Amino acid sequence: MRAEWKKWEMLTNTLLHLTTIREEERRDEVIEQIEGLLEKRGELQKQLGAPETEEEREYVRSLLPLERQMTEQLDAFMSLIRQNITQAKTKKGHVKEYINPYGKVARDGTYYDTKQ
């Protein structure tokens, strides 16, 4: 069996571990690490191709549940980030409304003396 398959499994397990980190202080660092690992997996995938021996085919079949789990966890991680971004935007809007409560009041039909 080629060593690339073992490396693929190691990268997948590392990705699985990184998606479990939920600390907001480390989020940027974790995202950079995930991107780097995904790039490495992409390069490795080009080298791997299809499994050549029966042993490799069995090994790849054993990796399929791990791949599904990694995909699900990456999707969950991305949705958590999206949710946090939405919350931050909402919070930012609330702060602006608190600072300037009359900023969104429609001023159609009101008279302003511009000569002062």
PDB file of N, CA and C in Angstrom:
ATOM      1  N   MET A   1       0.847  -1.170   0.000  1.00  0.00           N
ATOM      2  CA  MET A   1       0.000   0.000   0.000  1.00  0.00           C
ATOM      3  C   MET A   1       0.901   1.245   0.000  1.00  0.00           C
ATOM      4  N   ARG A   2       0.449   2.240  -0.755  1.00  0.00           N
ATOM      5  CA  ARG A   2       1.228   3.470  -0.866  1.00  0.00           C
ATOM      6  C   ARG A   2       1.101   4.310   0.411  1.00  0.00           C
ATOM      7  N   ALA A   3       2.170   5.014   0.719  1.00  0.00           N
ATOM      8  CA  ALA A   3       2.199   5.851   1.919  1.00  0.00           C
ATOM      9  C   ALA A   3       1.251   7.040   1.796  1.00  0.00           C
ATOM     10  N   GLU A   4       0.888   7.402   0.557  1.00  0.00           N
ATOM     11  CA  GLU A   4      -0.014   8.544   0.355  1.00  0.00           C
ATOM     12  C   GLU A   4      -1.372   8.305   0.996  1.00  0.00           C
ATOM     13  N   TRP A   5      -1.835   7.037   0.989  1.00  0.00           N
ATOM     14  CA  TRP A   5      -3.138   6.741   1.597  1.00  0.00           C
ATOM     15  C   TRP A   5      -3.096   6.960   3.107  1.00  0.00           C
ATOM     16  N   LYS A   6      -1.980   6.584   3.728  1.00  0.00           N
ATOM     17  CA  LYS A   6      -1.831   6.819   5.173  1.00  0.00           C
ATOM     18  C   LYS A   6      -1.779   8.314   5.461  1.00  0.00           C
ATOM     19  N   LYS A   7      -1.087   9.052   4.589  1.00  0.00           N
ATOM     20  CA  LYS A   7      -1.016  10.494   4.758  1.00  0.00           C
ATOM     21  C   LYS A   7      -2.411  11.108   4.597  1.00  0.00           C
ATOM     22  N   TRP A   8      -3.192  10.595   3.648  1.00  0.00           N
ATOM     23  CA  TRP A   8      -4.572  11.063   3.438  1.00  0.00           C
ATOM     24  C   TRP A   8      -5.398  10.864   4.710  1.00  0.00           C
ATOM     25  N   GLU A   9      -5.253   9.686   5.320  1.00  0.00           N
ATOM     26  CA  GLU A   9      -5.991   9.395   6.554  1.00  0.00           C
ATOM     27  C   GLU A   9      -5.541  10.328   7.684  1.00  0.00           C
ATOM     28  N   MET A  10      -4.239  10.569   7.783  1.00  0.00           N
ATOM     29  CA  MET A  10      -3.722  11.451   8.822  1.00  0.00           C
ATOM     30  C   MET A  10      -4.273  12.874   8.637  1.00  0.00           C
ATOM     31  N   LEU A  11      -4.280  13.377   7.402  1.00  0.00           N
ATOM     32  CA  LEU A  11      -4.815  14.711   7.134  1.00  0.00           C
ATOM     33  C   LEU A  11      -6.301  14.788   7.463  1.00  0.00           C
ATOM     34  N   THR A  12      -7.033  13.731   7.146  1.00  0.00           N
ATOM     35  CA  THR A  12      -8.468  13.697   7.430  1.00  0.00           C
ATOM     36  C   THR A  12      -8.714  13.717   8.934  1.00  0.00           C
ATOM     37  N   ASN A  13      -7.963  12.927   9.678  1.00  0.00           N
ATOM     38  CA  ASN A  13      -8.118  12.912  11.141  1.00  0.00           C
ATOM     39  C   ASN A  13      -7.756  14.265  11.753  1.00  0.00           C
ATOM     40  N   THR A  14      -6.732  14.913  11.213  1.00  0.00           N
ATOM     41  CA  THR A  14      -6.358  16.239  11.706  1.00  0.00           C
ATOM     42  C   THR A  14      -7.476  17.240  11.426  1.00  0.00           C
ATOM     43  N   LEU A  15      -8.073  17.165  10.243  1.00  0.00           N
ATOM     44  CA  LEU A  15      -9.205  18.041   9.916  1.00  0.00           C
ATOM     45  C   LEU A  15     -10.374  17.797  10.862  1.00  0.00           C
ATOM     46  N   LEU A  16     -10.643  16.541  11.151  1.00  0.00           N
ATOM     47  CA  LEU A  16     -11.719  16.219  12.086  1.00  0.00           C
ATOM     48  C   LEU A  16     -11.463  16.839  13.450  1.00  0.00           C
ATOM     49  N   HIS A  17     -10.230  16.755  13.900  1.00  0.00           N
ATOM     50  CA  HIS A  17      -9.881  17.334  15.194  1.00  0.00           C
ATOM     51  C   HIS A  17     -10.039  18.854  15.173  1.00  0.00           C
ATOM     52  N   LEU A  18      -9.593  19.499  14.109  1.00  0.00           N
ATOM     53  CA  LEU A  18      -9.662  20.960  14.040  1.00  0.00           C
ATOM     54  C   LEU A  18     -11.104  21.465  14.023  1.00  0.00           C
ATOM     55  N   THR A  19     -12.012  20.707  13.426  1.00  0.00           N
ATOM     56  CA  THR A  19     -13.400  21.175  13.361  1.00  0.00           C
ATOM     57  C   THR A  19     -14.102  21.078  14.708  1.00  0.00           C
ATOM     58  N   THR A  20     -13.488  20.418  15.668  1.00  0.00           N
ATOM     59  CA  THR A  20     -14.099  20.333  16.998  1.00  0.00           C
ATOM     60  C   THR A  20     -13.696  21.511  17.882  1.00  0.00           C
ATOM     61  N   ILE A  21     -12.719  22.304  17.460  1.00  0.00           N
ATOM     62  CA  ILE A  21     -12.266  23.455  18.250  1.00  0.00           C
ATOM     63  C   ILE A  21     -13.271  24.588  18.055  1.00  0.00           C
ATOM     64  N   ARG A  22     -13.885  25.029  19.137  1.00  0.00           N
ATOM     65  CA  ARG A  22     -14.939  26.044  19.061  1.00  0.00           C
ATOM     66  C   ARG A  22     -14.548  27.364  19.713  1.00  0.00           C
ATOM     67  N   GLU A  23     -13.310  27.506  20.142  1.00  0.00           N
ATOM     68  CA  GLU A  23     -12.873  28.725  20.816  1.00  0.00           C
ATOM     69  C   GLU A  23     -12.776  29.864  19.808  1.00  0.00           C
ATOM     70  N   GLU A  24     -13.460  30.957  20.105  1.00  0.00           N
ATOM     71  CA  GLU A  24     -13.469  32.084  19.169  1.00  0.00           C
ATOM     72  C   GLU A  24     -12.111  32.767  19.075  1.00  0.00           C
ATOM     73  N   GLU A  25     -11.310  32.708  20.132  1.00  0.00           N
ATOM     74  CA  GLU A  25     -10.001  33.343  20.112  1.00  0.00           C
ATOM     75  C   GLU A  25      -9.074  32.670  19.097  1.00  0.00           C
ATOM     76  N   ARG A  26      -9.255  31.385  18.896  1.00  0.00           N
ATOM     77  CA  ARG A  26      -8.375  30.618  17.999  1.00  0.00           C
ATOM     78  C   ARG A  26      -8.986  30.396  16.626  1.00  0.00           C
ATOM     79  N   ARG A  27     -10.159  30.954  16.369  1.00  0.00           N
ATOM     80  CA  ARG A  27     -10.886  30.632  15.139  1.00  0.00           C
ATOM     81  C   ARG A  27     -10.100  30.966  13.878  1.00  0.00           C
ATOM     82  N   ASP A  28      -9.474  32.142  13.830  1.00  0.00           N
ATOM     83  CA  ASP A  28      -8.712  32.518  12.633  1.00  0.00           C
ATOM     84  C   ASP A  28      -7.568  31.548  12.386  1.00  0.00           C
ATOM     85  N   GLU A  29      -6.882  31.185  13.450  1.00  0.00           N
ATOM     86  CA  GLU A  29      -5.776  30.229  13.344  1.00  0.00           C
ATOM     87  C   GLU A  29      -6.287  28.872  12.851  1.00  0.00           C
ATOM     88  N   VAL A  30      -7.410  28.426  13.381  1.00  0.00           N
ATOM     89  CA  VAL A  30      -7.984  27.131  12.986  1.00  0.00           C
ATOM     90  C   VAL A  30      -8.407  27.163  11.518  1.00  0.00           C
ATOM     91  N   ILE A  31      -9.013  28.267  11.084  1.00  0.00           N
ATOM     92  CA  ILE A  31      -9.446  28.375   9.689  1.00  0.00           C
ATOM     93  C   ILE A  31      -8.241  28.317   8.758  1.00  0.00           C
ATOM     94  N   GLU A  32      -7.156  28.994   9.107  1.00  0.00           N
ATOM     95  CA  GLU A  32      -5.941  28.945   8.290  1.00  0.00           C
ATOM     96  C   GLU A  32      -5.390  27.521   8.217  1.00  0.00           C
ATOM     97  N   GLN A  33      -5.395  26.821   9.354  1.00  0.00           N
ATOM     98  CA  GLN A  33      -4.898  25.444   9.365  1.00  0.00           C
ATOM     99  C   GLN A  33      -5.784  24.544   8.503  1.00  0.00           C
ATOM    100  N   ILE A  34      -7.098  24.730   8.595  1.00  0.00           N
ATOM    101  CA  ILE A  34      -8.023  23.916   7.796  1.00  0.00           C
ATOM    102  C   ILE A  34      -7.780  24.169   6.316  1.00  0.00           C
ATOM    103  N   GLU A  35      -7.632  25.437   5.933  1.00  0.00           N
ATOM    104  CA  GLU A  35      -7.379  25.754   4.523  1.00  0.00           C
ATOM    105  C   GLU A  35      -6.088  25.106   4.042  1.00  0.00           C
ATOM    106  N   GLY A  36      -5.050  25.164   4.862  1.00  0.00           N
ATOM    107  CA  GLY A  36      -3.776  24.550   4.492  1.00  0.00           C
ATOM    108  C   GLY A  36      -3.897  23.043   4.326  1.00  0.00           C
ATOM    109  N   LEU A  37      -4.608  22.404   5.245  1.00  0.00           N
ATOM    110  CA  LEU A  37      -4.777  20.952   5.155  1.00  0.00           C
ATOM    111  C   LEU A  37      -5.611  20.569   3.937  1.00  0.00           C
ATOM    112  N   LEU A  38      -6.623  21.361   3.627  1.00  0.00           N
ATOM    113  CA  LEU A  38      -7.439  21.069   2.447  1.00  0.00           C
ATOM    114  C   LEU A  38      -6.627  21.227   1.163  1.00  0.00           C
ATOM    115  N   GLU A  39      -5.725  22.208   1.142  1.00  0.00           N
ATOM    116  CA  GLU A  39      -4.840  22.363  -0.014  1.00  0.00           C
ATOM    117  C   GLU A  39      -3.908  21.152  -0.150  1.00  0.00           C
ATOM    118  N   LYS A  40      -3.348  20.708   0.981  1.00  0.00           N
ATOM    119  CA  LYS A  40      -2.472  19.530   0.953  1.00  0.00           C
ATOM    120  C   LYS A  40      -3.235  18.308   0.460  1.00  0.00           C
ATOM    121  N   ARG A  41      -4.488  18.160   0.927  1.00  0.00           N
ATOM    122  CA  ARG A  41      -5.299  17.020   0.482  1.00  0.00           C
ATOM    123  C   ARG A  41      -5.581  17.104  -1.014  1.00  0.00           C
ATOM    124  N   GLY A  42      -5.798  18.317  -1.514  1.00  0.00           N
ATOM    125  CA  GLY A  42      -6.035  18.493  -2.943  1.00  0.00           C
ATOM    126  C   GLY A  42      -4.829  18.081  -3.770  1.00  0.00           C
ATOM    127  N   GLU A  43      -3.638  18.484  -3.319  1.00  0.00           N
ATOM    128  CA  GLU A  43      -2.409  18.085  -4.003  1.00  0.00           C
ATOM    129  C   GLU A  43      -2.199  16.575  -3.915  1.00  0.00           C
ATOM    130  N   LEU A  44      -2.470  16.031  -2.756  1.00  0.00           N
ATOM    131  CA  LEU A  44      -2.303  14.594  -2.546  1.00  0.00           C
ATOM    132  C   LEU A  44      -3.290  13.800  -3.392  1.00  0.00           C
ATOM    133  N   GLN A  45      -4.485  14.334  -3.558  1.00  0.00           N
ATOM    134  CA  GLN A  45      -5.504  13.649  -4.355  1.00  0.00           C
ATOM    135  C   GLN A  45      -5.054  13.508  -5.808  1.00  0.00           C
ATOM    136  N   LYS A  46      -4.355  14.527  -6.312  1.00  0.00           N
ATOM    137  CA  LYS A  46      -3.838  14.459  -7.689  1.00  0.00           C
ATOM    138  C   LYS A  46      -2.818  13.325  -7.818  1.00  0.00           C
ATOM    139  N   GLN A  47      -2.022  13.108  -6.784  1.00  0.00           N
ATOM    140  CA  GLN A  47      -1.005  12.066  -6.807  1.00  0.00           C
ATOM    141  C   GLN A  47      -1.602  10.676  -6.649  1.00  0.00           C
ATOM    142  N   LEU A  48      -2.680  10.566  -5.886  1.00  0.00           N
ATOM    143  CA  LEU A  48      -3.220   9.257  -5.539  1.00  0.00           C
ATOM    144  C   LEU A  48      -3.861   8.545  -6.720  1.00  0.00           C
ATOM    145  N   GLY A  49      -4.811   9.172  -7.352  1.00  0.00           N
ATOM    146  CA  GLY A  49      -5.543   8.481  -8.406  1.00  0.00           C
ATOM    147  C   GLY A  49      -6.401   7.376  -7.811  1.00  0.00           C
ATOM    148  N   ALA A  50      -6.679   6.377  -8.598  1.00  0.00           N
ATOM    149  CA  ALA A  50      -7.512   5.263  -8.141  1.00  0.00           C
ATOM    150  C   ALA A  50      -6.650   4.239  -7.402  1.00  0.00           C
ATOM    151  N   PRO A  51      -7.256   3.511  -6.460  1.00  0.00           N
ATOM    152  CA  PRO A  51      -6.505   2.441  -5.775  1.00  0.00           C
ATOM    153  C   PRO A  51      -6.107   1.360  -6.764  1.00  0.00           C
ATOM    154  N   GLU A  52      -4.884   0.878  -6.630  1.00  0.00           N
ATOM    155  CA  GLU A  52      -4.352  -0.069  -7.610  1.00  0.00           C
ATOM    156  C   GLU A  52      -4.504  -1.524  -7.185  1.00  0.00           C
ATOM    157  N   THR A  53      -4.312  -1.816  -5.921  1.00  0.00           N
ATOM    158  CA  THR A  53      -4.381  -3.203  -5.470  1.00  0.00           C
ATOM    159  C   THR A  53      -5.663  -3.423  -4.679  1.00  0.00           C
ATOM    160  N   GLU A  54      -5.975  -4.680  -4.432  1.00  0.00           N
ATOM    161  CA  GLU A  54      -7.162  -5.012  -3.640  1.00  0.00           C
ATOM    162  C   GLU A  54      -7.017  -4.502  -2.204  1.00  0.00           C
ATOM    163  N   GLU A  55      -5.804  -4.559  -1.689  1.00  0.00           N
ATOM    164  CA  GLU A  55      -5.549  -4.048  -0.343  1.00  0.00           C
ATOM    165  C   GLU A  55      -5.860  -2.551  -0.260  1.00  0.00           C
ATOM    166  N   GLU A  56      -5.438  -1.801  -1.279  1.00  0.00           N
ATOM    167  CA  GLU A  56      -5.728  -0.365  -1.306  1.00  0.00           C
ATOM    168  C   GLU A  56      -7.227  -0.105  -1.440  1.00  0.00           C
ATOM    169  N   ARG A  57      -7.910  -0.911  -2.225  1.00  0.00           N
ATOM    170  CA  ARG A  57      -9.357  -0.740  -2.389  1.00  0.00           C
ATOM    171  C   ARG A  57     -10.077  -0.931  -1.058  1.00  0.00           C
ATOM    172  N   GLU A  58      -9.685  -1.951  -0.313  1.00  0.00           N
ATOM    173  CA  GLU A  58     -10.283  -2.188   1.002  1.00  0.00           C
ATOM    174  C   GLU A  58      -9.982  -1.036   1.961  1.00  0.00           C
ATOM    175  N   TYR A  59      -8.752  -0.567   1.903  1.00  0.00           N
ATOM    176  CA  TYR A  59      -8.359   0.546   2.775  1.00  0.00           C
ATOM    177  C   TYR A  59      -9.163   1.796   2.441  1.00  0.00           C
ATOM    178  N   VAL A  60      -9.350   2.070   1.149  1.00  0.00           N
ATOM    179  CA  VAL A  60     -10.126   3.244   0.728  1.00  0.00           C
ATOM    180  C   VAL A  60     -11.578   3.097   1.165  1.00  0.00           C
ATOM    181  N   ARG A  61     -12.123   1.896   1.071  1.00  0.00           N
ATOM    182  CA  ARG A  61     -13.500   1.670   1.547  1.00  0.00           C
ATOM    183  C   ARG A  61     -13.614   1.942   3.048  1.00  0.00           C
ATOM    184  N   SER A  62     -12.569   1.617   3.786  1.00  0.00           N
ATOM    185  CA  SER A  62     -12.603   1.881   5.228  1.00  0.00           C
ATOM    186  C   SER A  62     -12.494   3.374   5.530  1.00  0.00           C
ATOM    187  N   LEU A  63     -11.968   4.159   4.573  1.00  0.00           N
ATOM    188  CA  LEU A  63     -11.847   5.607   4.768  1.00  0.00           C
ATOM    189  C   LEU A  63     -13.135   6.359   4.443  1.00  0.00           C
ATOM    190  N   LEU A  64     -14.047   5.742   3.722  1.00  0.00           N
ATOM    191  CA  LEU A  64     -15.268   6.441   3.302  1.00  0.00           C
ATOM    192  C   LEU A  64     -16.097   6.994   4.467  1.00  0.00           C
ATOM    193  N   PRO A  65     -16.347   6.224   5.536  1.00  0.00           N
ATOM    194  CA  PRO A  65     -17.097   6.823   6.662  1.00  0.00           C
ATOM    195  C   PRO A  65     -16.366   8.016   7.292  1.00  0.00           C
ATOM    196  N   LEU A  66     -15.056   7.934   7.328  1.00  0.00           N
ATOM    197  CA  LEU A  66     -14.255   9.031   7.858  1.00  0.00           C
ATOM    198  C   LEU A  66     -14.420  10.278   6.988  1.00  0.00           C
ATOM    199  N   GLU A  67     -14.448  10.085   5.667  1.00  0.00           N
ATOM    200  CA  GLU A  67     -14.643  11.200   4.735  1.00  0.00           C
ATOM    201  C   GLU A  67     -16.022  11.836   4.940  1.00  0.00           C
ATOM    202  N   ARG A  68     -17.044  11.007   5.093  1.00  0.00           N
ATOM    203  CA  ARG A  68     -18.400  11.531   5.313  1.00  0.00           C
ATOM    204  C   ARG A  68     -18.463  12.339   6.600  1.00  0.00           C
ATOM    205  N   GLN A  69     -17.861  11.802   7.647  1.00  0.00           N
ATOM    206  CA  GLN A  69     -17.846  12.490   8.936  1.00  0.00           C
ATOM    207  C   GLN A  69     -17.118  13.823   8.830  1.00  0.00           C
ATOM    208  N   MET A  70     -15.990  13.842   8.120  1.00  0.00           N
ATOM    209  CA  MET A  70     -15.233  15.075   7.957  1.00  0.00           C
ATOM    210  C   MET A  70     -16.054  16.115   7.185  1.00  0.00           C
ATOM    211  N   THR A  71     -16.745  15.685   6.137  1.00  0.00           N
ATOM    212  CA  THR A  71     -17.570  16.596   5.355  1.00  0.00           C
ATOM    213  C   THR A  71     -18.683  17.186   6.209  1.00  0.00           C
ATOM    214  N   GLU A  72     -19.334  16.348   6.997  1.00  0.00           N
ATOM    215  CA  GLU A  72     -20.412  16.827   7.872  1.00  0.00           C
ATOM    216  C   GLU A  72     -19.881  17.826   8.900  1.00  0.00           C
ATOM    217  N   GLN A  73     -18.726  17.525   9.482  1.00  0.00           N
ATOM    218  CA  GLN A  73     -18.179  18.421  10.500  1.00  0.00           C
ATOM    219  C   GLN A  73     -17.703  19.740   9.891  1.00  0.00           C
ATOM    220  N   LEU A  74     -17.139  19.690   8.677  1.00  0.00           N
ATOM    221  CA  LEU A  74     -16.738  20.934   8.019  1.00  0.00           C
ATOM    222  C   LEU A  74     -17.963  21.793   7.695  1.00  0.00           C
ATOM    223  N   ASP A  75     -19.049  21.151   7.255  1.00  0.00           N
ATOM    224  CA  ASP A  75     -20.292  21.895   6.987  1.00  0.00           C
ATOM    225  C   ASP A  75     -20.829  22.530   8.266  1.00  0.00           C
ATOM    226  N   ALA A  76     -20.800  21.781   9.363  1.00  0.00           N
ATOM    227  CA  ALA A  76     -21.273  22.312  10.643  1.00  0.00           C
ATOM    228  C   ALA A  76     -20.392  23.474  11.102  1.00  0.00           C
ATOM    229  N   PHE A  77     -19.086  23.352  10.904  1.00  0.00           N
ATOM    230  CA  PHE A  77     -18.145  24.409  11.277  1.00  0.00           C
ATOM    231  C   PHE A  77     -18.413  25.675  10.469  1.00  0.00           C
ATOM    232  N   MET A  78     -18.643  25.508   9.166  1.00  0.00           N
ATOM    233  CA  MET A  78     -18.936  26.651   8.304  1.00  0.00           C
ATOM    234  C   MET A  78     -20.254  27.311   8.694  1.00  0.00           C
ATOM    235  N   SER A  79     -21.264  26.523   9.010  1.00  0.00           N
ATOM    236  CA  SER A  79     -22.551  27.110   9.392  1.00  0.00           C
ATOM    237  C   SER A  79     -22.437  27.851  10.728  1.00  0.00           C
ATOM    238  N   LEU A  80     -21.604  27.357  11.631  1.00  0.00           N
ATOM    239  CA  LEU A  80     -21.369  28.059  12.891  1.00  0.00           C
ATOM    240  C   LEU A  80     -20.708  29.414  12.635  1.00  0.00           C
ATOM    241  N   ILE A  81     -19.756  29.444  11.735  1.00  0.00           N
ATOM    242  CA  ILE A  81     -19.089  30.700  11.397  1.00  0.00           C
ATOM    243  C   ILE A  81     -20.082  31.668  10.762  1.00  0.00           C
ATOM    244  N   ARG A  82     -20.904  31.164   9.834  1.00  0.00           N
ATOM    245  CA  ARG A  82     -21.922  32.015   9.210  1.00  0.00           C
ATOM    246  C   ARG A  82     -22.886  32.573  10.257  1.00  0.00           C
ATOM    247  N   GLN A  83     -23.282  31.738  11.190  1.00  0.00           N
ATOM    248  CA  GLN A  83     -24.196  32.167  12.242  1.00  0.00           C
ATOM    249  C   GLN A  83     -23.556  33.261  13.096  1.00  0.00           C
ATOM    250  N   ASN A  84     -22.294  33.101  13.426  1.00  0.00           N
ATOM    251  CA  ASN A  84     -21.599  34.113  14.222  1.00  0.00           C
ATOM    252  C   ASN A  84     -21.452  35.428  13.459  1.00  0.00           C
ATOM    253  N   ILE A  85     -21.215  35.343  12.157  1.00  0.00           N
ATOM    254  CA  ILE A  85     -21.116  36.560  11.343  1.00  0.00           C
ATOM    255  C   ILE A  85     -22.456  37.285  11.324  1.00  0.00           C
ATOM    256  N   THR A  86     -23.542  36.543  11.164  1.00  0.00           N
ATOM    257  CA  THR A  86     -24.878  37.137  11.160  1.00  0.00           C
ATOM    258  C   THR A  86     -25.167  37.799  12.503  1.00  0.00           C
ATOM    259  N   GLN A  87     -24.820  37.131  13.587  1.00  0.00           N
ATOM    260  CA  GLN A  87     -25.031  37.706  14.915  1.00  0.00           C
ATOM    261  C   GLN A  87     -24.217  38.981  15.105  1.00  0.00           C
ATOM    262  N   ALA A  88     -22.986  38.986  14.594  1.00  0.00           N
ATOM    263  CA  ALA A  88     -22.146  40.174  14.734  1.00  0.00           C
ATOM    264  C   ALA A  88     -22.731  41.343  13.946  1.00  0.00           C
ATOM    265  N   LYS A  89     -23.239  41.078  12.739  1.00  0.00           N
ATOM    266  CA  LYS A  89     -23.857  42.140  11.943  1.00  0.00           C
ATOM    267  C   LYS A  89     -25.099  42.680  12.640  1.00  0.00           C
ATOM    268  N   THR A  90     -25.913  41.797  13.195  1.00  0.00           N
ATOM    269  CA  THR A  90     -27.114  42.224  13.906  1.00  0.00           C
ATOM    270  C   THR A  90     -26.740  43.072  15.115  1.00  0.00           C
ATOM    271  N   LYS A  91     -25.737  42.634  15.843  1.00  0.00           N
ATOM    272  CA  LYS A  91     -25.279  43.367  17.023  1.00  0.00           C
ATOM    273  C   LYS A  91     -24.768  44.750  16.638  1.00  0.00           C
ATOM    274  N   LYS A  92     -24.035  44.805  15.530  1.00  0.00           N
ATOM    275  CA  LYS A  92     -23.505  46.071  15.052  1.00  0.00           C
ATOM    276  C   LYS A  92     -24.658  47.020  14.696  1.00  0.00           C
ATOM    277  N   GLY A  93     -25.702  46.497  14.068  1.00  0.00           N
ATOM    278  CA  GLY A  93     -26.868  47.305  13.723  1.00  0.00           C
ATOM    279  C   GLY A  93     -27.576  47.819  14.954  1.00  0.00           C
ATOM    280  N   HIS A  94     -27.683  46.993  15.972  1.00  0.00           N
ATOM    281  CA  HIS A  94     -28.328  47.413  17.213  1.00  0.00           C
ATOM    282  C   HIS A  94     -27.526  48.514  17.906  1.00  0.00           C
ATOM    283  N   VAL A  95     -26.218  48.423  17.857  1.00  0.00           N
ATOM    284  CA  VAL A  95     -25.375  49.448  18.472  1.00  0.00           C
ATOM    285  C   VAL A  95     -25.576  50.780  17.753  1.00  0.00           C
ATOM    286  N   LYS A  96     -25.638  50.742  16.406  1.00  0.00           N
ATOM    287  CA  LYS A  96     -25.853  51.975  15.641  1.00  0.00           C
ATOM    288  C   LYS A  96     -27.209  52.582  15.986  1.00  0.00           C
ATOM    289  N   GLU A  97     -28.224  51.752  16.119  1.00  0.00           N
ATOM    290  CA  GLU A  97     -29.553  52.253  16.463  1.00  0.00           C
ATOM    291  C   GLU A  97     -29.571  52.850  17.873  1.00  0.00           C
ATOM    292  N   TYR A  98     -28.800  52.280  18.777  1.00  0.00           N
ATOM    293  CA  TYR A  98     -28.738  52.794  20.137  1.00  0.00           C
ATOM    294  C   TYR A  98     -28.044  54.155  20.166  1.00  0.00           C
ATOM    295  N   ILE A  99     -26.974  54.274  19.392  1.00  0.00           N
ATOM    296  CA  ILE A  99     -26.224  55.525  19.358  1.00  0.00           C
ATOM    297  C   ILE A  99     -27.039  56.624  18.683  1.00  0.00           C
ATOM    298  N   ASN A 100     -27.714  56.306  17.580  1.00  0.00           N
ATOM    299  CA  ASN A 100     -28.494  57.291  16.833  1.00  0.00           C
ATOM    300  C   ASN A 100     -29.919  56.753  16.650  1.00  0.00           C
ATOM    301  N   PRO A 101     -30.778  56.890  17.668  1.00  0.00           N
ATOM    302  CA  PRO A 101     -32.106  56.275  17.591  1.00  0.00           C
ATOM    303  C   PRO A 101     -33.011  56.890  16.529  1.00  0.00           C
ATOM    304  N   TYR A 102     -32.722  58.108  16.073  1.00  0.00           N
ATOM    305  CA  TYR A 102     -33.580  58.744  15.076  1.00  0.00           C
ATOM    306  C   TYR A 102     -32.968  58.688  13.682  1.00  0.00           C
ATOM    307  N   GLY A 103     -31.980  57.856  13.491  1.00  0.00           N
ATOM    308  CA  GLY A 103     -31.305  57.758  12.203  1.00  0.00           C
ATOM    309  C   GLY A 103     -32.169  57.167  11.106  1.00  0.00           C
ATOM    310  N   LYS A 104     -33.112  56.319  11.453  1.00  0.00           N
ATOM    311  CA  LYS A 104     -33.942  55.657  10.456  1.00  0.00           C
ATOM    312  C   LYS A 104     -35.327  56.284  10.319  1.00  0.00           C
ATOM    313  N   VAL A 105     -35.561  57.404  10.989  1.00  0.00           N
ATOM    314  CA  VAL A 105     -36.867  58.044  10.921  1.00  0.00           C
ATOM    315  C   VAL A 105     -37.019  58.690   9.552  1.00  0.00           C
ATOM    316  N   ALA A 106     -38.151  58.432   8.899  1.00  0.00           N
ATOM    317  CA  ALA A 106     -38.404  59.024   7.595  1.00  0.00           C
ATOM    318  C   ALA A 106     -38.658  60.516   7.761  1.00  0.00           C
ATOM    319  N   ARG A 107     -38.003  61.319   6.970  1.00  0.00           N
ATOM    320  CA  ARG A 107     -38.133  62.764   7.105  1.00  0.00           C
ATOM    321  C   ARG A 107     -38.906  63.366   5.934  1.00  0.00           C
ATOM    322  N   ASP A 108     -39.679  62.569   5.256  1.00  0.00           N
ATOM    323  CA  ASP A 108     -40.489  63.094   4.152  1.00  0.00           C
ATOM    324  C   ASP A 108     -41.550  64.020   4.710  1.00  0.00           C
ATOM    325  N   GLY A 109     -41.677  65.178   4.123  1.00  0.00           N
ATOM    326  CA  GLY A 109     -42.724  66.109   4.522  1.00  0.00           C
ATOM    327  C   GLY A 109     -42.375  66.984   5.696  1.00  0.00           C
ATOM    328  N   THR A 110     -41.192  66.837   6.251  1.00  0.00           N
ATOM    329  CA  THR A 110     -40.818  67.701   7.362  1.00  0.00           C
ATOM    330  C   THR A 110     -40.103  68.912   6.809  1.00  0.00           C
ATOM    331  N   TYR A 111     -40.191  70.005   7.522  1.00  0.00           N
ATOM    332  CA  TYR A 111     -39.589  71.248   7.080  1.00  0.00           C
ATOM    333  C   TYR A 111     -38.306  71.501   7.850  1.00  0.00           C
ATOM    334  N   TYR A 112     -37.258  71.797   7.114  1.00  0.00           N
ATOM    335  CA  TYR A 112     -35.979  72.173   7.724  1.00  0.00           C
ATOM    336  C   TYR A 112     -35.625  73.558   7.267  1.00  0.00           C
ATOM    337  N   ASP A 113     -35.324  74.405   8.212  1.00  0.00           N
ATOM    338  CA  ASP A 113     -34.905  75.755   7.896  1.00  0.00           C
ATOM    339  C   ASP A 113     -33.428  75.711   7.557  1.00  0.00           C
ATOM    340  N   THR A 114     -33.114  75.870   6.300  1.00  0.00           N
ATOM    341  CA  THR A 114     -31.730  75.744   5.863  1.00  0.00           C
ATOM    342  C   THR A 114     -30.964  77.034   5.971  1.00  0.00           C
ATOM    343  N   LYS A 115     -31.605  78.124   6.370  1.00  0.00           N
ATOM    344  CA  LYS A 115     -30.923  79.422   6.403  1.00  0.00           C
ATOM    345  C   LYS A 115     -30.200  79.657   7.725  1.00  0.00           C
ATOM    346  N   GLN A 116     -30.312  78.801   8.645  1.00  0.00           N
ATOM    347  CA  GLN A 116     -29.646  79.009   9.916  1.00  0.00           C
ATOM    348  C   GLN A 116     -28.226  78.553   9.877  1.00  0.00           C
TER     349      GLN A 116
END
